[in-house]
Amino acid sequence: MTTSAETLRLATRGSDLAMRQAATVRDSLASRRLAVELETVTTTGDELTDELIHRLGKTGAFVHSLDEKVLAGELDAAVHSMKDMPTERPEELVVAGVPERAAAVDVLVTPDGAELDELPEGSVVGTSSLRRKAQLLAERPDLTVEPLRGNVDTRLEKLLAPSLQERHQERHEAEQERKEHVDDDDYEFPYDQDVEAWFNGLAELERRALEREPDTEYDAIVLARAGLDRAGLTHHVGTVELDPEQFVPAPGQGALAITAVDGEVAATINERLDDRRARVETTVERTILAELGGGCVAPIGIYATLAGGVVRTVVRVLSQDGTETIQVSRDLPAERHIDAARELAAELADRGARELIQSARRDSEGADEDAATAREEDE
């Protein structure tokens, strides 16, 4: 691509959520008079079926295949979920654009919108994120946290399946009972719809959930608000935002990153798409992550928010079982946010974060891989 009249070839994963995210980038660039063509690429992460991403000891399972196409000149740029990107990157590639960031927080998702402290003791909560698991256990050690894989739609279907199936069974039994009382004028059917009418009123997601036979019955799951919103599925379930000072989000959560070879294309994308606030916030988060060296093998939450001349930054590093935690909140000067982020990371390392991360890495390396379940991105 060498002129504004040409079309930018943009790489994306083929999942529904990835395509939705790439479409927002395409539309944003189109509104700035830049034609964009989306090209789907199958990634290593898409091919994993029996292994948690964190077992690999590195991030990037959803990233490298797209960037390879860009480096080879087959495509011009690639759209990534920022939190899936490894901190170590090919020198030729730059993050050309960081669009305006979506909500970075996590949400507790239940069929009825229950709060975390309302879940009964021993409730089963689904997540395949080490960070989310550790943070949940730190607050509610009585919970049972079980792996949960699949895209956003699949995860919601697994959550909704048991309650929908129970409601279906109750209606079916009521209809059978009504048939037995067909001549009983005093009998009152307890529902305002029969099974068929009720089923016809379900959303497509709910119909798919009704047909599932989940291996695990989840009382709740935890997802990124951004992924749920971008997939347009928020209205199907009850959600409660988790306090980002307590359930500190993953570095880069809610943000997209457009990578390109350093040069004219990257400059064009940067000029038309880059959001300063999102750029500063995610730079702080990823700088701290890179300095600590946690990757995706350790439970680390880092959340930065730019307000005026400071970047409010919260960092939480935990042991995998949530029993140990190191947390710091600090206002970093925006004019030197990169150096300040490095200094904060060094302080955290000295306070014990380095030891927690090393311990988490040893735990991951020694875990039983046969029992692991693959994670796919949820934003």
Protein backbone atom coordinates (compact mmCIF):
# COMPACT_ATOMS: atom_id res chain seq x y z
CA MET A 1 0.00 0.00 0.00
CA THR A 2 1.64 3.22 -1.14
CA THR A 3 -1.13 5.73 -1.85
CA SER A 4 -4.36 6.83 -0.19
CA ALA A 5 -6.26 5.43 -3.18
CA GLU A 6 -5.14 1.88 -2.41
CA THR A 7 -6.84 -0.52 -0.04
CA LEU A 8 -5.33 -1.41 3.33
CA ARG A 9 -5.27 -5.20 3.78
CA LEU A 10 -5.99 -5.85 7.45
CA ALA A 11 -5.36 -9.25 9.08
CA THR A 12 -7.76 -10.58 11.72
CA ARG A 13 -8.66 -13.83 13.38
CA GLY A 14 -11.83 -15.43 12.05
CA SER A 15 -13.81 -15.69 15.30
CA ASP A 16 -17.01 -13.68 15.54
CA LEU A 17 -15.57 -11.40 18.21
CA ALA A 18 -12.32 -10.84 16.33
CA MET A 19 -14.25 -9.99 13.18
CA ARG A 20 -16.42 -7.52 15.10
CA GLN A 21 -13.32 -5.86 16.53
CA ALA A 22 -11.65 -5.67 13.14
CA ALA A 23 -14.84 -4.23 11.66
CA THR A 24 -14.75 -1.34 14.14
CA VAL A 25 -11.20 -0.57 12.99
CA ARG A 26 -12.21 -0.84 9.34
CA ASP A 27 -15.18 1.48 9.83
CA SER A 28 -13.11 3.98 11.79
CA LEU A 29 -10.48 4.14 9.05
CA ALA A 30 -13.16 4.27 6.36
CA SER A 31 -14.63 7.35 8.05
CA ARG A 32 -11.18 8.90 7.59
CA ARG A 33 -11.11 8.11 3.87
CA LEU A 34 -9.01 4.97 4.01
CA ALA A 35 -10.37 1.86 2.30
CA VAL A 36 -9.85 -1.35 4.27
CA GLU A 37 -10.22 -5.00 3.31
CA LEU A 38 -10.36 -7.62 6.10
CA GLU A 39 -8.44 -10.89 5.66
CA THR A 40 -8.98 -13.78 8.10
CA VAL A 41 -5.97 -15.76 9.33
CA THR A 42 -5.97 -18.97 11.39
CA THR A 43 -3.68 -18.65 14.41
CA THR A 44 -1.87 -21.11 16.68
CA GLY A 45 -4.32 -20.24 19.46
CA ASP A 46 -7.26 -21.21 17.26
CA GLU A 47 -5.76 -24.68 16.79
CA LEU A 48 -5.17 -25.41 20.49
CA THR A 49 -7.83 -27.70 21.93
CA ASP A 50 -6.40 -29.48 24.98
CA GLU A 51 -3.97 -27.10 26.63
CA LEU A 52 -4.27 -23.87 28.54
CA ILE A 53 -2.45 -20.99 26.88
CA HIS A 54 -0.52 -20.29 30.07
CA ARG A 55 0.96 -23.80 29.92
CA LEU A 56 3.00 -22.64 26.94
CA GLY A 57 4.89 -20.25 29.17
CA LYS A 58 4.38 -17.36 26.78
CA THR A 59 1.73 -15.18 25.24
CA GLY A 60 1.11 -14.65 21.55
CA ALA A 61 -0.77 -17.79 20.53
CA PHE A 62 -3.40 -15.57 18.88
CA VAL A 63 -0.90 -13.01 17.55
CA HIS A 64 2.13 -14.46 15.77
CA SER A 65 0.36 -15.91 12.75
CA LEU A 66 -1.20 -12.56 11.91
CA ASP A 67 2.03 -10.63 12.36
CA GLU A 68 3.93 -13.13 10.20
CA LYS A 69 1.62 -12.26 7.32
CA VAL A 70 2.41 -8.57 7.86
CA LEU A 71 6.17 -9.14 8.11
CA ALA A 72 6.07 -11.20 4.90
CA GLY A 73 4.31 -8.35 3.09
CA GLU A 74 1.24 -10.48 2.37
CA LEU A 75 -0.94 -8.12 4.42
CA ASP A 76 -0.46 -4.50 5.50
CA ALA A 77 -1.47 -4.54 9.16
CA ALA A 78 -3.12 -6.73 11.80
CA VAL A 79 -5.74 -6.18 14.50
CA HIS A 80 -5.11 -7.72 17.92
CA SER A 81 -6.65 -7.69 21.35
CA MET A 82 -3.96 -5.78 23.23
CA LYS A 83 -3.98 -8.14 26.21
CA ASP A 84 -3.09 -11.11 23.97
CA MET A 85 0.07 -9.49 22.66
CA PRO A 86 3.46 -10.61 24.01
CA THR A 87 5.65 -7.83 25.36
CA GLU A 88 8.58 -9.05 23.24
CA ARG A 89 7.92 -8.04 19.63
CA PRO A 90 9.77 -8.22 16.28
CA GLU A 91 11.84 -5.06 15.87
CA GLU A 92 10.40 -4.35 12.43
CA LEU A 93 6.83 -4.20 13.78
CA VAL A 94 5.30 -1.31 15.67
CA VAL A 95 1.95 -0.80 17.34
CA ALA A 96 0.82 1.69 14.74
CA GLY A 97 -2.55 2.46 16.29
CA VAL A 98 -4.34 2.10 19.59
CA PRO A 99 -7.99 3.14 19.09
CA GLU A 100 -10.14 4.54 21.87
CA ARG A 101 -10.28 1.96 24.63
CA ALA A 102 -13.41 0.09 25.65
CA ALA A 103 -14.21 -0.72 29.28
CA ALA A 104 -11.26 -2.54 30.86
CA VAL A 105 -13.12 -4.11 33.78
CA ASP A 106 -14.12 -7.72 34.39
CA VAL A 107 -17.72 -8.70 35.04
CA LEU A 108 -19.28 -11.50 37.06
CA VAL A 109 -21.88 -13.14 34.83
CA THR A 110 -24.79 -15.17 36.22
CA PRO A 111 -28.21 -16.11 34.86
CA ASP A 112 -29.87 -13.72 37.34
CA GLY A 113 -27.30 -10.96 38.01
CA ALA A 114 -26.13 -12.11 41.45
CA GLU A 115 -23.31 -10.30 43.25
CA LEU A 116 -20.12 -12.15 44.12
CA ASP A 117 -20.91 -12.17 47.85
CA GLU A 118 -24.40 -13.56 47.08
CA LEU A 119 -23.07 -16.76 45.53
CA PRO A 120 -23.65 -19.73 47.86
CA GLU A 121 -20.63 -21.31 49.51
CA GLY A 122 -18.90 -23.74 47.16
CA SER A 123 -20.39 -22.19 44.01
CA VAL A 124 -18.67 -23.14 40.76
CA VAL A 125 -17.21 -20.19 38.85
CA GLY A 126 -15.79 -20.62 35.36
CA THR A 127 -12.64 -18.97 34.03
CA SER A 128 -9.44 -20.16 32.38
CA SER A 129 -7.53 -17.02 33.40
CA LEU A 130 -4.89 -17.49 36.10
CA ARG A 131 -5.38 -13.86 37.15
CA ARG A 132 -9.14 -14.13 37.52
CA LYS A 133 -8.89 -17.44 39.37
CA ALA A 134 -6.37 -16.07 41.87
CA GLN A 135 -8.37 -12.88 42.44
CA LEU A 136 -11.59 -14.85 42.96
CA LEU A 137 -9.95 -17.18 45.48
CA ALA A 138 -8.35 -14.25 47.28
CA GLU A 139 -11.83 -12.84 47.96
CA ARG A 140 -13.82 -16.08 48.18
CA PRO A 141 -11.57 -19.06 49.01
CA ASP A 142 -14.70 -21.20 49.37
CA LEU A 143 -15.46 -21.00 45.66
CA THR A 144 -14.67 -23.79 43.22
CA VAL A 145 -13.02 -22.25 40.16
CA GLU A 146 -13.19 -24.49 37.11
CA PRO A 147 -11.66 -24.07 33.61
CA LEU A 148 -13.92 -22.55 30.98
CA ARG A 149 -12.95 -22.45 27.33
CA GLY A 150 -14.51 -21.19 24.12
CA ASN A 151 -15.46 -17.86 22.63
CA VAL A 152 -17.88 -15.52 24.39
CA ASP A 153 -20.98 -17.16 22.90
CA THR A 154 -19.85 -20.63 23.92
CA ARG A 155 -19.05 -19.57 27.47
CA LEU A 156 -22.46 -17.98 27.91
CA GLU A 157 -24.18 -21.06 26.51
CA LYS A 158 -22.37 -23.26 29.03
CA LEU A 159 -23.47 -20.96 31.86
CA LEU A 160 -27.11 -20.74 30.74
CA ALA A 161 -27.64 -24.38 29.76
CA PRO A 162 -28.58 -25.88 33.18
CA SER A 163 -31.11 -23.19 34.16
CA LEU A 164 -32.74 -23.14 30.72
CA GLN A 165 -32.98 -26.93 30.67
CA GLU A 166 -34.56 -26.91 34.12
CA ARG A 167 -37.14 -24.33 33.04
CA HIS A 168 -37.88 -26.34 29.90
CA GLN A 169 -38.38 -29.50 31.94
CA GLU A 170 -40.69 -27.74 34.41
CA ARG A 171 -42.86 -26.42 31.57
CA HIS A 172 -42.96 -29.81 29.88
CA GLU A 173 -44.09 -31.49 33.10
CA ALA A 174 -46.73 -28.80 33.62
CA GLU A 175 -48.10 -29.42 30.13
CA GLN A 176 -48.31 -33.14 30.84
CA GLU A 177 -50.18 -32.39 34.04
CA ARG A 178 -52.55 -30.05 32.18
CA LYS A 179 -53.44 -32.86 29.80
CA GLU A 180 -54.33 -35.02 32.78
CA HIS A 181 -56.66 -32.27 34.08
CA VAL A 182 -58.27 -31.38 30.78
CA ASP A 183 -61.74 -31.88 32.25
CA ASP A 184 -60.93 -30.14 35.54
CA ASP A 185 -62.39 -26.63 35.48
CA ASP A 186 -60.52 -25.70 38.65
CA TYR A 187 -57.08 -26.54 37.27
CA GLU A 188 -54.88 -23.51 36.49
CA PHE A 189 -51.84 -23.82 34.21
CA PRO A 190 -48.95 -22.15 36.09
CA TYR A 191 -47.39 -20.52 33.01
CA ASP A 192 -48.54 -17.87 30.57
CA GLN A 193 -47.03 -19.77 27.61
CA ASP A 194 -46.80 -23.39 26.55
CA VAL A 195 -43.43 -24.99 25.81
CA GLU A 196 -43.54 -24.25 22.09
CA ALA A 197 -44.39 -20.57 22.52
CA TRP A 198 -41.76 -20.23 25.25
CA PHE A 199 -39.10 -21.84 23.03
CA ASN A 200 -40.03 -19.63 20.07
CA GLY A 201 -39.48 -16.58 22.26
CA LEU A 202 -35.91 -17.56 23.14
CA ALA A 203 -32.94 -15.83 21.56
CA GLU A 204 -30.70 -17.89 19.28
CA LEU A 205 -28.01 -18.02 21.98
CA GLU A 206 -30.53 -19.41 24.47
CA ARG A 207 -31.75 -22.04 22.00
CA ARG A 208 -28.19 -23.24 21.47
CA ALA A 209 -27.67 -23.32 25.23
CA LEU A 210 -30.80 -25.43 25.66
CA GLU A 211 -29.30 -28.07 23.38
CA ARG A 212 -25.95 -28.24 25.19
CA GLU A 213 -24.84 -31.01 27.51
CA PRO A 214 -22.19 -29.19 29.60
CA ASP A 215 -19.58 -31.24 31.45
CA THR A 216 -19.59 -28.69 34.26
CA GLU A 217 -22.51 -26.74 35.69
CA TYR A 218 -21.36 -23.19 36.40
CA ASP A 219 -23.08 -20.92 38.89
CA ALA A 220 -21.20 -17.94 37.45
CA ILE A 221 -18.44 -17.08 35.02
CA VAL A 222 -16.08 -14.11 34.74
CA LEU A 223 -15.56 -12.30 31.43
CA ALA A 224 -14.14 -9.03 30.16
CA ARG A 225 -16.83 -6.37 29.85
CA ALA A 226 -15.35 -5.29 26.51
CA GLY A 227 -15.74 -8.70 24.91
CA LEU A 228 -19.30 -9.11 26.15
CA ASP A 229 -20.28 -5.66 24.89
CA ARG A 230 -18.54 -6.02 21.52
CA ALA A 231 -20.25 -9.37 20.96
CA GLY A 232 -23.62 -7.71 21.66
CA LEU A 233 -24.57 -10.31 24.28
CA THR A 234 -24.82 -8.29 27.49
CA HIS A 235 -28.63 -8.33 27.52
CA HIS A 236 -28.83 -12.14 27.65
CA VAL A 237 -27.40 -12.45 31.17
CA GLY A 238 -27.06 -10.64 34.45
CA THR A 239 -23.73 -8.89 34.89
CA VAL A 240 -22.04 -7.21 37.84
CA GLU A 241 -18.90 -5.15 37.31
CA LEU A 242 -16.02 -6.21 39.53
CA ASP A 243 -14.13 -3.41 41.27
CA PRO A 244 -10.95 -2.81 39.19
CA GLU A 245 -9.06 -1.83 42.34
CA GLN A 246 -9.75 -5.31 43.68
CA PHE A 247 -10.16 -7.39 40.53
CA VAL A 248 -7.40 -5.59 38.67
CA PRO A 249 -7.78 -6.11 34.89
CA ALA A 250 -5.18 -7.68 32.62
CA PRO A 251 -2.67 -5.29 31.02
CA GLY A 252 -4.20 -3.90 27.84
CA GLN A 253 -7.67 -5.31 28.55
CA GLY A 254 -10.37 -3.51 26.56
CA ALA A 255 -7.86 -2.10 24.08
CA LEU A 256 -7.14 -3.03 20.48
CA ALA A 257 -3.74 -2.77 18.81
CA ILE A 258 -3.05 -2.43 15.10
CA THR A 259 0.43 -3.65 14.21
CA ALA A 260 2.33 -2.77 11.02
CA VAL A 261 5.88 -2.63 9.70
CA ASP A 262 7.46 0.65 10.72
CA GLY A 263 7.02 3.00 7.79
CA GLU A 264 4.43 4.81 5.71
CA VAL A 265 1.52 2.48 6.45
CA ALA A 266 2.19 2.59 10.18
CA ALA A 267 2.38 6.38 10.09
CA THR A 268 -0.91 6.60 8.20
CA ILE A 269 -2.69 4.34 10.71
CA ASN A 270 -1.21 6.24 13.64
CA GLU A 271 -2.33 9.60 12.28
CA ARG A 272 -5.89 8.49 11.63
CA LEU A 273 -6.57 6.09 14.49
CA ASP A 274 -4.34 6.53 17.53
CA ASP A 275 -5.99 7.66 20.77
CA ARG A 276 -3.57 9.39 23.15
CA ARG A 277 -5.29 8.29 26.34
CA ALA A 278 -5.46 4.65 25.29
CA ARG A 279 -1.86 4.79 24.10
CA VAL A 280 -0.54 6.18 27.40
CA GLU A 281 -2.58 3.82 29.59
CA THR A 282 -1.65 0.66 27.71
CA THR A 283 2.00 1.73 27.44
CA VAL A 284 2.19 2.02 31.23
CA GLU A 285 0.51 -1.35 31.72
CA ARG A 286 2.64 -3.21 29.19
CA THR A 287 5.86 -1.56 30.35
CA ILE A 288 5.26 -2.78 33.90
CA LEU A 289 4.38 -6.26 32.62
CA ALA A 290 7.52 -6.40 30.49
CA GLU A 291 9.72 -5.27 33.38
CA LEU A 292 8.21 -7.84 35.74
CA GLY A 293 8.45 -10.58 33.11
CA GLY A 294 5.17 -12.23 34.05
CA GLY A 295 3.78 -12.96 30.60
CA CYS A 296 0.70 -15.15 31.01
CA VAL A 297 2.19 -17.64 33.49
CA ALA A 298 1.52 -15.53 36.57
CA PRO A 299 -1.62 -13.89 38.00
CA ILE A 300 -0.89 -10.20 37.32
CA GLY A 301 -3.38 -7.35 37.05
CA ILE A 302 -2.29 -3.89 35.91
CA TYR A 303 -4.74 -1.06 35.35
CA ALA A 304 -3.78 2.49 34.36
CA THR A 305 -6.12 5.46 33.85
CA LEU A 306 -4.96 8.81 32.50
CA ALA A 307 -6.46 11.83 34.24
CA GLY A 308 -4.93 15.21 33.54
CA GLY A 309 -1.23 15.10 34.21
CA VAL A 310 -1.14 11.78 36.07
CA VAL A 311 -1.64 8.13 35.26
CA ARG A 312 -3.42 6.41 38.13
CA THR A 313 -1.90 2.92 38.19
CA VAL A 314 -2.94 -0.15 40.18
CA VAL A 315 -0.83 -3.31 40.11
CA ARG A 316 -1.72 -6.59 41.80
CA VAL A 317 0.49 -9.68 41.70
CA LEU A 318 -0.82 -12.87 43.31
CA SER A 319 0.11 -16.45 43.95
CA GLN A 320 -1.88 -18.89 41.85
CA ASP A 321 -4.07 -19.90 44.80
CA GLY A 322 -4.73 -16.28 45.80
CA THR A 323 -3.26 -16.68 49.29
CA GLU A 324 -0.39 -14.27 48.66
CA THR A 325 -0.72 -10.85 47.08
CA ILE A 326 1.32 -7.72 46.50
CA GLN A 327 -0.59 -4.61 45.50
CA VAL A 328 0.44 -1.02 44.83
CA SER A 329 -1.56 2.03 43.73
CA ARG A 330 0.41 5.00 42.44
CA ASP A 331 -0.09 8.23 40.50
CA LEU A 332 2.60 8.36 37.80
CA PRO A 333 3.52 11.62 36.03
CA ALA A 334 2.10 11.50 32.51
CA GLU A 335 5.02 13.43 30.99
CA ARG A 336 7.44 10.63 31.95
CA HIS A 337 5.04 7.71 32.16
CA ILE A 338 7.38 5.13 30.63
CA ASP A 339 10.27 5.79 33.01
CA ALA A 340 7.85 6.04 35.95
CA ALA A 341 6.30 2.69 34.99
CA ARG A 342 9.74 1.07 34.96
CA GLU A 343 10.51 2.49 38.38
CA LEU A 344 7.23 1.17 39.78
CA ALA A 345 7.96 -2.28 38.34
CA ALA A 346 11.38 -2.28 40.01
CA GLU A 347 9.77 -1.36 43.32
CA LEU A 348 7.24 -4.18 42.96
CA ALA A 349 9.99 -6.66 42.16
CA ASP A 350 11.90 -5.64 45.28
CA ARG A 351 8.75 -6.05 47.40
CA GLY A 352 8.36 -9.67 46.41
CA ALA A 353 6.57 -9.64 43.04
CA ARG A 354 9.58 -11.26 41.38
CA GLU A 355 9.40 -14.24 43.75
CA LEU A 356 5.65 -14.67 43.22
CA ILE A 357 6.11 -14.65 39.44
CA GLN A 358 8.96 -17.14 39.58
CA SER A 359 6.89 -19.41 41.81
CA ALA A 360 3.95 -19.19 39.39
CA ARG A 361 6.24 -20.09 36.50
CA ARG A 362 7.49 -23.17 38.35
CA ASP A 363 3.90 -24.17 39.14
CA SER A 364 2.93 -23.85 35.47
CA GLU A 365 5.90 -25.85 34.27
CA GLY A 366 5.19 -28.65 36.74
CA ALA A 367 1.43 -28.84 36.25
CA ASP A 368 -0.33 -31.80 34.66
CA GLU A 369 -0.84 -30.70 31.05
CA ASP A 370 -3.20 -33.59 30.29
CA ALA A 371 -5.77 -32.07 32.65
CA ALA A 372 -5.55 -28.60 31.10
CA THR A 373 -8.20 -26.99 28.94
CA ALA A 374 -7.61 -24.46 26.17
CA ARG A 375 -8.49 -20.84 26.57
CA GLU A 376 -9.67 -18.60 23.75
CA GLU A 377 -9.72 -14.85 23.99
CA ASP A 378 -12.88 -13.22 25.39
CA GLU A 379 -12.21 -9.76 24.14
